[in-house]
Protein backbone atom coordinates (compact mmCIF):
# COMPACT_ATOMS: atom_id res chain seq x y z
CA MET A 1 -0.71 3.60 11.15
CA LYS A 2 -2.85 5.92 13.36
CA ASN A 3 -5.05 6.98 10.57
CA GLU A 4 -6.93 3.97 9.24
CA ILE A 5 -8.54 5.87 6.18
CA LYS A 6 -6.98 4.51 2.87
CA LEU A 7 -6.22 7.33 0.50
CA HIS A 8 -5.16 7.12 -3.18
CA ILE A 9 -1.92 8.85 -2.33
CA ASP A 10 -0.80 5.95 -0.08
CA LYS A 11 0.64 4.04 -2.84
CA ARG A 12 2.81 7.13 -4.10
CA ALA A 13 3.86 8.16 -0.44
CA ALA A 14 7.25 6.59 -0.38
CA ALA A 15 8.05 7.76 -4.00
CA ILE A 16 6.91 11.39 -3.09
CA VAL A 17 9.09 11.41 0.05
CA ALA A 18 12.21 9.97 -1.88
CA ALA A 19 11.79 12.71 -4.63
CA SER A 20 11.73 15.55 -2.01
CA GLU A 21 14.67 14.68 0.02
CA GLY A 22 17.21 17.46 0.12
CA MET A 23 14.40 20.13 0.24
CA ASN A 24 13.99 22.43 3.07
CA ASP A 25 11.58 20.94 5.86
CA GLU A 26 10.90 24.44 6.82
CA ASP A 27 9.43 25.54 3.51
CA MET A 28 5.94 26.99 3.99
CA LEU A 29 3.79 25.84 0.96
CA THR A 30 0.39 27.16 -0.08
CA THR A 31 -2.34 24.78 -0.82
CA VAL A 32 -1.70 25.01 -4.54
CA GLN A 33 1.98 24.22 -4.10
CA THR A 34 1.35 21.37 -1.71
CA ALA A 35 -1.30 19.86 -3.98
CA ALA A 36 0.98 20.05 -7.17
CA TRP A 37 3.88 18.41 -5.13
CA LEU A 38 1.81 15.64 -3.82
CA GLY A 39 -0.07 15.19 -7.23
CA VAL A 40 -3.60 15.68 -5.55
CA SER A 41 -6.24 18.29 -6.01
CA GLU A 42 -6.65 21.45 -3.93
CA MET A 43 -10.00 20.04 -2.73
CA PHE A 44 -8.30 16.75 -1.51
CA LEU A 45 -6.22 19.13 0.76
CA ILE A 46 -9.20 21.44 1.83
CA LYS A 47 -11.42 18.45 2.49
CA GLY A 48 -8.67 16.62 4.55
CA ARG A 49 -8.20 19.60 6.65
CA THR A 50 -11.95 19.60 7.45
CA GLU A 51 -12.51 15.95 7.97
CA GLY A 52 -8.98 15.16 9.64
CA TYR A 53 -7.17 12.94 7.25
CA GLY A 54 -5.01 15.35 5.45
CA PRO A 55 -1.38 16.31 6.21
CA PRO A 56 -0.74 18.62 9.19
CA TYR A 57 -1.07 22.45 8.21
CA VAL A 58 -0.43 25.90 9.92
CA ARG A 59 -3.28 28.44 10.10
CA VAL A 60 -1.26 31.51 9.51
CA SER A 61 -4.48 33.80 9.76
CA PRO A 62 -8.15 33.09 9.50
CA GLN A 63 -8.00 33.00 5.79
CA VAL A 64 -4.36 31.71 5.17
CA VAL A 65 -3.15 28.18 5.49
CA ARG A 66 0.40 26.85 4.83
CA TYR A 67 1.91 23.39 5.04
CA LEU A 68 5.45 22.93 6.28
CA ARG A 69 7.19 20.49 3.89
CA GLY A 70 8.64 18.49 6.74
CA GLY A 71 5.17 18.03 8.40
CA VAL A 72 3.82 16.86 5.15
CA ARG A 73 6.87 14.47 4.46
CA GLY A 74 6.17 13.05 8.14
CA TRP A 75 2.54 12.47 7.23
CA LEU A 76 3.60 10.61 4.11
CA ARG A 77 6.01 8.52 6.08
CA GLU A 78 3.23 7.51 8.34
CA ARG A 79 1.33 6.27 5.42
CA THR A 80 4.23 4.34 3.90
CA TYR A 81 4.51 0.49 4.66
CA ARG A 82 7.72 -1.31 4.31
CA TYR A 83 6.14 -4.82 3.83
CA PHE A 84 2.76 -5.99 2.55
CA GLY A 85 2.14 -7.55 6.09
CA ASP A 86 2.70 -4.25 7.70
CA GLU A 87 -0.51 -2.85 6.21
CA ALA A 88 -2.57 -5.40 7.80
CA ARG A 89 -0.92 -4.90 11.16
CA GLY A 90 -1.21 -1.11 11.00
CA ALA A 91 2.67 -0.79 11.38
CA ALA A 92 4.58 1.80 9.40
């Protein structure tokens, strides 16, 4: 895993991805919508943007940020391990 910071969302990442299958990867979600979908606070996403550990986002204008559903799903997949030993090796 390229991002070594452990986040509370890591344990739920696979379940969130599975529950969102069939949704459009091109959906552009607000910070509020993304936080609700992931079950995290808006502050988690805002802080993640500034500190570099959150999901990828698109800056539509200086004041407007959106998250592509497919980009967030990809970020979650990077944080998902198949086996317990994968986490120690950093393999997804």
